[in-house]
C-alpha atoms as a PDB file:
ATOM      1  CA  UNK A   1     124.811 -10.179 208.703  1.00  0.00           C
ATOM      2  CA  UNK A   2     128.473 -11.040 208.289  1.00  0.00           C
ATOM      3  CA  UNK A   3     129.899 -14.480 208.101  1.00  0.00           C
ATOM      4  CA  UNK A   4     133.485 -14.630 209.225  1.00  0.00           C
ATOM      5  CA  UNK A   5     135.489 -17.707 208.503  1.00  0.00           C
ATOM      6  CA  UNK A   6     138.117 -18.760 210.960  1.00  0.00           C
ATOM      7  CA  UNK A   7     141.547 -19.139 209.453  1.00  0.00           C
ATOM      8  CA  UNK A   8     142.986 -22.616 209.461  1.00  0.00           C
ATOM      9  CA  UNK A   9     146.521 -21.484 208.666  1.00  0.00           C
ATOM     10  CA  UNK A  10     147.769 -22.381 212.158  1.00  0.00           C
ATOM     11  CA  UNK A  11     146.190 -25.818 211.998  1.00  0.00           C
ATOM     12  CA  UNK A  12     147.640 -26.474 208.550  1.00  0.00           C
ATOM     13  CA  UNK A  13     151.128 -25.561 209.780  1.00  0.00           C
ATOM     14  CA  UNK A  14     150.699 -27.766 212.867  1.00  0.00           C
ATOM     15  CA  UNK A  15     149.716 -30.796 210.758  1.00  0.00           C
ATOM     16  CA  UNK A  16     152.453 -29.986 208.238  1.00  0.00           C
ATOM     17  CA  UNK A  17     155.026 -29.806 211.052  1.00  0.00           C
ATOM     18  CA  UNK A  18     153.857 -33.099 212.572  1.00  0.00           C
ATOM     19  CA  UNK A  19     153.939 -34.921 209.227  1.00  0.00           C
ATOM     20  CA  UNK A  20     157.339 -33.401 208.425  1.00  0.00           C
ATOM     21  CA  UNK A  21     158.838 -34.527 211.734  1.00  0.00           C
ATOM     22  CA  UNK A  22     157.544 -38.072 211.235  1.00  0.00           C
ATOM     23  CA  UNK A  23     158.910 -38.127 207.672  1.00  0.00           C
ATOM     24  CA  UNK A  24     162.305 -36.844 208.840  1.00  0.00           C
ATOM     25  CA  UNK A  25     162.432 -39.584 211.508  1.00  0.00           C
ATOM     26  CA  UNK A  26     161.574 -42.188 208.846  1.00  0.00           C
ATOM     27  CA  UNK A  27     164.288 -40.906 206.503  1.00  0.00           C
ATOM     28  CA  UNK A  28     166.906 -40.825 209.269  1.00  0.00           C
ATOM     29  CA  UNK A  29     166.010 -44.375 210.346  1.00  0.00           C
ATOM     30  CA  UNK A  30     166.146 -45.489 206.696  1.00  0.00           C
ATOM     31  CA  UNK A  31     169.627 -44.039 206.261  1.00  0.00           C
ATOM     32  CA  UNK A  32     171.123 -45.001 209.628  1.00  0.00           C
ATOM     33  CA  UNK A  33     169.385 -48.406 210.021  1.00  0.00           C
ATOM     34  CA  UNK A  34     170.301 -49.063 213.669  1.00  0.00           C
ATOM     35  CA  UNK A  35     171.445 -52.666 214.025  1.00  0.00           C
ATOM     36  CA  UNK A  36     169.376 -53.217 217.157  1.00  0.00           C
ATOM     37  CA  UNK A  37     166.234 -52.416 215.154  1.00  0.00           C
ATOM     38  CA  UNK A  38     167.264 -54.030 211.909  1.00  0.00           C
ATOM     39  CA  UNK A  39     168.326 -57.463 213.138  1.00  0.00           C
ATOM     40  CA  UNK A  40     165.828 -58.078 215.953  1.00  0.00           C
ATOM     41  CA  UNK A  41     162.481 -59.457 214.853  1.00  0.00           C
ATOM     42  CA  UNK A  42     158.934 -59.494 216.122  1.00  0.00           C
ATOM     43  CA  UNK A  43     156.350 -61.694 214.363  1.00  0.00           C
ATOM     44  CA  UNK A  44     158.830 -62.538 211.580  1.00  0.00           C
ATOM     45  CA  UNK A  45     159.526 -58.885 210.784  1.00  0.00           C
ATOM     46  CA  UNK A  46     162.368 -56.636 211.822  1.00  0.00           C
ATOM     47  CA  UNK A  47     161.651 -53.994 214.439  1.00  0.00           C
ATOM     48  CA  UNK A  48     162.702 -51.347 211.928  1.00  0.00           C
ATOM     49  CA  UNK A  49     159.950 -52.523 209.563  1.00  0.00           C
ATOM     50  CA  UNK A  50     157.428 -52.320 212.414  1.00  0.00           C
ATOM     51  CA  UNK A  51     158.500 -48.747 213.169  1.00  0.00           C
ATOM     52  CA  UNK A  52     158.099 -47.784 209.499  1.00  0.00           C
ATOM     53  CA  UNK A  53     154.638 -49.376 209.380  1.00  0.00           C
ATOM     54  CA  UNK A  54     153.483 -47.658 212.553  1.00  0.00           C
ATOM     55  CA  UNK A  55     154.791 -44.247 211.497  1.00  0.00           C
ATOM     56  CA  UNK A  56     153.295 -44.569 208.007  1.00  0.00           C
ATOM     57  CA  UNK A  57     149.885 -45.578 209.340  1.00  0.00           C
ATOM     58  CA  UNK A  58     150.038 -42.689 211.806  1.00  0.00           C
ATOM     59  CA  UNK A  59     150.782 -40.276 208.948  1.00  0.00           C
ATOM     60  CA  UNK A  60     147.922 -41.718 206.884  1.00  0.00           C
ATOM     61  CA  UNK A  61     145.610 -41.263 209.876  1.00  0.00           C
ATOM     62  CA  UNK A  62     146.540 -37.583 210.225  1.00  0.00           C
ATOM     63  CA  UNK A  63     146.181 -36.957 206.498  1.00  0.00           C
ATOM     64  CA  UNK A  64     142.670 -38.409 206.543  1.00  0.00           C
ATOM     65  CA  UNK A  65     141.764 -36.674 209.793  1.00  0.00           C
ATOM     66  CA  UNK A  66     142.999 -33.203 208.860  1.00  0.00           C
ATOM     67  CA  UNK A  67     142.933 -32.884 205.077  1.00  0.00           C
ATOM     68  CA  UNK A  68     139.867 -35.011 204.386  1.00  0.00           C
ATOM     69  CA  UNK A  69     138.061 -33.078 207.163  1.00  0.00           C
ATOM     70  CA  UNK A  70     137.002 -36.189 209.046  1.00  0.00           C
ATOM     71  CA  UNK A  71     137.250 -34.426 212.416  1.00  0.00           C
ATOM     72  CA  UNK A  72     133.985 -32.612 211.679  1.00  0.00           C
ATOM     73  CA  UNK A  73     132.004 -35.735 210.796  1.00  0.00           C
ATOM     74  CA  UNK A  74     129.958 -37.999 213.034  1.00  0.00           C
ATOM     75  CA  UNK A  75     132.053 -40.334 215.176  1.00  0.00           C
ATOM     76  CA  UNK A  76     130.653 -43.471 213.553  1.00  0.00           C
ATOM     77  CA  UNK A  77     131.555 -42.265 210.041  1.00  0.00           C
ATOM     78  CA  UNK A  78     135.007 -41.130 211.155  1.00  0.00           C
ATOM     79  CA  UNK A  79     135.919 -44.459 212.664  1.00  0.00           C
ATOM     80  CA  UNK A  80     134.287 -46.451 209.870  1.00  0.00           C
ATOM     81  CA  UNK A  81     136.574 -44.735 207.358  1.00  0.00           C
ATOM     82  CA  UNK A  82     139.720 -44.482 209.468  1.00  0.00           C
ATOM     83  CA  UNK A  83     139.410 -47.900 211.111  1.00  0.00           C
ATOM     84  CA  UNK A  84     138.803 -49.734 207.865  1.00  0.00           C
ATOM     85  CA  UNK A  85     141.697 -48.106 206.049  1.00  0.00           C
ATOM     86  CA  UNK A  86     144.120 -48.528 208.949  1.00  0.00           C
ATOM     87  CA  UNK A  87     143.195 -52.206 209.288  1.00  0.00           C
ATOM     88  CA  UNK A  88     143.562 -52.858 205.556  1.00  0.00           C
ATOM     89  CA  UNK A  89     146.904 -51.047 205.349  1.00  0.00           C
ATOM     90  CA  UNK A  90     148.311 -52.944 208.313  1.00  0.00           C
ATOM     91  CA  UNK A  91     146.981 -56.244 206.963  1.00  0.00           C
ATOM     92  CA  UNK A  92     148.436 -55.671 203.489  1.00  0.00           C
ATOM     93  CA  UNK A  93     151.846 -54.633 204.751  1.00  0.00           C
ATOM     94  CA  UNK A  94     151.967 -57.501 207.254  1.00  0.00           C
ATOM     95  CA  UNK A  95     151.100 -60.109 204.608  1.00  0.00           C
ATOM     96  CA  UNK A  96     153.598 -58.664 202.124  1.00  0.00           C
ATOM     97  CA  UNK A  97     156.445 -58.612 204.609  1.00  0.00           C
ATOM     98  CA  UNK A  98     155.754 -62.062 206.046  1.00  0.00           C
ATOM     99  CA  UNK A  99     155.547 -63.602 202.577  1.00  0.00           C
ATOM    100  CA  UNK A 100     158.682 -61.780 201.445  1.00  0.00           C
ATOM    101  CA  UNK A 101     160.532 -63.043 204.516  1.00  0.00           C
ATOM    102  CA  UNK A 102     159.322 -66.585 203.825  1.00  0.00           C
ATOM    103  CA  UNK A 103     160.498 -66.475 200.200  1.00  0.00           C
ATOM    104  CA  UNK A 104     163.841 -65.022 201.291  1.00  0.00           C
ATOM    105  CA  UNK A 105     164.352 -67.809 203.843  1.00  0.00           C
ATOM    106  CA  UNK A 106     163.460 -70.456 201.234  1.00  0.00           C
ATOM    107  CA  UNK A 107     166.100 -69.156 198.835  1.00  0.00           C
ATOM    108  CA  UNK A 108     168.660 -68.557 201.581  1.00  0.00           C
ATOM    109  CA  UNK A 109     168.418 -71.965 203.286  1.00  0.00           C
ATOM    110  CA  UNK A 110     167.686 -74.357 200.439  1.00  0.00           C
ATOM    111  CA  UNK A 111     169.291 -75.729 197.331  1.00  0.00           C
ATOM    112  CA  UNK A 112     167.087 -73.548 195.130  1.00  0.00           C
ATOM    113  CA  UNK A 113     169.305 -70.890 193.605  1.00  0.00           C
ATOM    114  CA  UNK A 114     168.541 -67.277 192.929  1.00  0.00           C
ATOM    115  CA  UNK A 115     167.815 -67.203 189.212  1.00  0.00           C
ATOM    116  CA  UNK A 116     166.640 -63.638 188.872  1.00  0.00           C
END
């Protein structure tokens, strides 16, 4: 009785290519910083920040899905892990950016001076 294992080389290259393309897009956007994305806001954050958040969460999803082998698990376990982490990442980043924007506006529009 022989047990042959299917090669996952093609799948690894596919995931690697997808993650590389997303990273390249993030780097290009970080260097170019299009004004239309940088200076327009949605929910107190720039559109460029939203794009970075979405792309980063998407990359984290694929890393968990492919390299942590979640695609072979039961659907309830998959979504319990992925859903929880995606929600917490989005929540953390949202709170950090909103608070940072608030602090920036306080220092920019008040008599309190930057002392650091």
